[in-house]
Amino acid sequence: MAKKLTKDEIKNLEDIRNTYSGVARAIGESEIGIANFQARKEELIENLRKLNERQKIIVEGLESKYGKGSINLETSEFVPIQE
């Protein structure tokens, strides 16, 4: 014979079910956020790689034109290394 649960027992079980659903939803949303973060991170790493390659090409071109040295961007001056 089936027995009826009390209102408090039903409420406790419903609270657990609702909390469980909320936690599961939050985990899913967090995973989506992590995936988006990973994709953005990979994009930024690729941009950094391209920037480093561009810098290398520019530096090689300047070294072939001026030799080794340093550049002061504020004064637009090239200072050769004393060897």
C-alpha atoms as a PDB file:
ATOM      1  CA  MET A   1       0.000   0.000   0.000  1.00  0.00           C
ATOM      2  CA  ALA A   2       1.356   3.391  -1.037  1.00  0.00           C
ATOM      3  CA  LYS A   3       1.857   6.043   1.606  1.00  0.00           C
ATOM      4  CA  LYS A   4       1.661   9.793   1.070  1.00  0.00           C
ATOM      5  CA  LEU A   5       4.688  11.922   1.831  1.00  0.00           C
ATOM      6  CA  THR A   6       4.297  15.001   3.987  1.00  0.00           C
ATOM      7  CA  LYS A   7       4.362  18.479   2.469  1.00  0.00           C
ATOM      8  CA  ASP A   8       7.759  19.109   4.121  1.00  0.00           C
ATOM      9  CA  GLU A   9       9.209  15.914   2.655  1.00  0.00           C
ATOM     10  CA  ILE A  10       7.919  16.811  -0.810  1.00  0.00           C
ATOM     11  CA  LYS A  11       9.261  20.352  -0.440  1.00  0.00           C
ATOM     12  CA  ASN A  12      12.707  19.044   0.600  1.00  0.00           C
ATOM     13  CA  LEU A  13      12.846  16.681  -2.365  1.00  0.00           C
ATOM     14  CA  GLU A  14      11.722  19.408  -4.781  1.00  0.00           C
ATOM     15  CA  ASP A  15      14.330  21.794  -3.340  1.00  0.00           C
ATOM     16  CA  ILE A  16      17.049  19.193  -3.904  1.00  0.00           C
ATOM     17  CA  ARG A  17      15.853  18.528  -7.470  1.00  0.00           C
ATOM     18  CA  ASN A  18      15.704  22.262  -8.273  1.00  0.00           C
ATOM     19  CA  THR A  19      19.108  22.910  -6.729  1.00  0.00           C
ATOM     20  CA  TYR A  20      20.571  19.957  -8.637  1.00  0.00           C
ATOM     21  CA  SER A  21      19.141  21.313 -11.895  1.00  0.00           C
ATOM     22  CA  GLY A  22      20.576  24.758 -11.165  1.00  0.00           C
ATOM     23  CA  VAL A  23      24.013  23.329 -10.405  1.00  0.00           C
ATOM     24  CA  ALA A  24      23.961  21.191 -13.562  1.00  0.00           C
ATOM     25  CA  ARG A  25      22.955  24.225 -15.640  1.00  0.00           C
ATOM     26  CA  ALA A  26      25.721  26.310 -14.051  1.00  0.00           C
ATOM     27  CA  ILE A  27      28.273  23.603 -14.850  1.00  0.00           C
ATOM     28  CA  GLY A  28      27.109  23.571 -18.476  1.00  0.00           C
ATOM     29  CA  GLU A  29      27.318  27.352 -18.703  1.00  0.00           C
ATOM     30  CA  SER A  30      30.787  27.235 -17.153  1.00  0.00           C
ATOM     31  CA  GLU A  31      31.917  24.666 -19.706  1.00  0.00           C
ATOM     32  CA  ILE A  32      30.659  26.885 -22.520  1.00  0.00           C
ATOM     33  CA  GLY A  33      32.543  29.802 -20.973  1.00  0.00           C
ATOM     34  CA  ILE A  34      35.704  27.706 -20.739  1.00  0.00           C
ATOM     35  CA  ALA A  35      35.377  26.656 -24.392  1.00  0.00           C
ATOM     36  CA  ASN A  36      34.913  30.290 -25.446  1.00  0.00           C
ATOM     37  CA  PHE A  37      37.908  31.305 -23.334  1.00  0.00           C
ATOM     38  CA  GLN A  38      40.056  28.562 -24.888  1.00  0.00           C
ATOM     39  CA  ALA A  39      39.075  29.636 -28.400  1.00  0.00           C
ATOM     40  CA  ARG A  40      39.887  33.280 -27.610  1.00  0.00           C
ATOM     41  CA  LYS A  41      43.198  32.264 -26.025  1.00  0.00           C
ATOM     42  CA  GLU A  42      44.163  30.264 -29.125  1.00  0.00           C
ATOM     43  CA  GLU A  43      43.245  33.247 -31.304  1.00  0.00           C
ATOM     44  CA  LEU A  44      45.405  35.571 -29.200  1.00  0.00           C
ATOM     45  CA  ILE A  45      48.329  33.134 -29.252  1.00  0.00           C
ATOM     46  CA  GLU A  46      48.097  32.982 -33.053  1.00  0.00           C
ATOM     47  CA  ASN A  47      48.030  36.801 -33.200  1.00  0.00           C
ATOM     48  CA  LEU A  48      51.122  36.893 -30.991  1.00  0.00           C
ATOM     49  CA  ARG A  49      52.893  34.377 -33.234  1.00  0.00           C
ATOM     50  CA  LYS A  50      52.107  36.505 -36.302  1.00  0.00           C
ATOM     51  CA  LEU A  51      53.264  39.642 -34.494  1.00  0.00           C
ATOM     52  CA  ASN A  52      56.554  37.983 -33.541  1.00  0.00           C
ATOM     53  CA  GLU A  53      57.079  36.875 -37.144  1.00  0.00           C
ATOM     54  CA  ARG A  54      56.354  40.408 -38.396  1.00  0.00           C
ATOM     55  CA  GLN A  55      58.787  41.858 -35.846  1.00  0.00           C
ATOM     56  CA  LYS A  56      61.475  39.377 -36.911  1.00  0.00           C
ATOM     57  CA  ILE A  57      61.081  40.343 -40.581  1.00  0.00           C
ATOM     58  CA  ILE A  58      61.225  44.074 -39.779  1.00  0.00           C
ATOM     59  CA  VAL A  59      64.281  43.666 -37.537  1.00  0.00           C
ATOM     60  CA  GLU A  60      66.075  41.606 -40.175  1.00  0.00           C
ATOM     61  CA  GLY A  61      65.333  44.279 -42.788  1.00  0.00           C
ATOM     62  CA  LEU A  62      66.578  47.079 -40.534  1.00  0.00           C
ATOM     63  CA  GLU A  63      69.713  45.128 -39.615  1.00  0.00           C
ATOM     64  CA  SER A  64      70.522  44.529 -43.263  1.00  0.00           C
ATOM     65  CA  LYS A  65      70.089  48.250 -43.962  1.00  0.00           C
ATOM     66  CA  TYR A  66      71.690  49.770 -40.833  1.00  0.00           C
ATOM     67  CA  GLY A  67      73.601  46.942 -39.177  1.00  0.00           C
ATOM     68  CA  LYS A  68      73.141  45.820 -35.599  1.00  0.00           C
ATOM     69  CA  GLY A  69      72.093  48.423 -33.083  1.00  0.00           C
ATOM     70  CA  SER A  70      69.197  49.899 -31.195  1.00  0.00           C
ATOM     71  CA  ILE A  71      66.407  52.233 -32.199  1.00  0.00           C
ATOM     72  CA  ASN A  72      64.972  55.101 -30.185  1.00  0.00           C
ATOM     73  CA  LEU A  73      61.381  55.445 -31.405  1.00  0.00           C
ATOM     74  CA  GLU A  74      60.931  58.836 -29.679  1.00  0.00           C
ATOM     75  CA  THR A  75      63.854  60.432 -31.571  1.00  0.00           C
ATOM     76  CA  SER A  76      63.738  58.167 -34.658  1.00  0.00           C
ATOM     77  CA  GLU A  77      67.459  57.533 -34.203  1.00  0.00           C
ATOM     78  CA  PHE A  78      69.406  54.383 -34.879  1.00  0.00           C
ATOM     79  CA  VAL A  79      72.408  53.826 -32.624  1.00  0.00           C
ATOM     80  CA  PRO A  80      74.846  51.241 -33.947  1.00  0.00           C
ATOM     81  CA  ILE A  81      76.433  48.701 -31.613  1.00  0.00           C
ATOM     82  CA  GLN A  82      80.109  49.451 -30.988  1.00  0.00           C
ATOM     83  CA  GLU A  83      82.009  46.251 -31.789  1.00  0.00           C
END
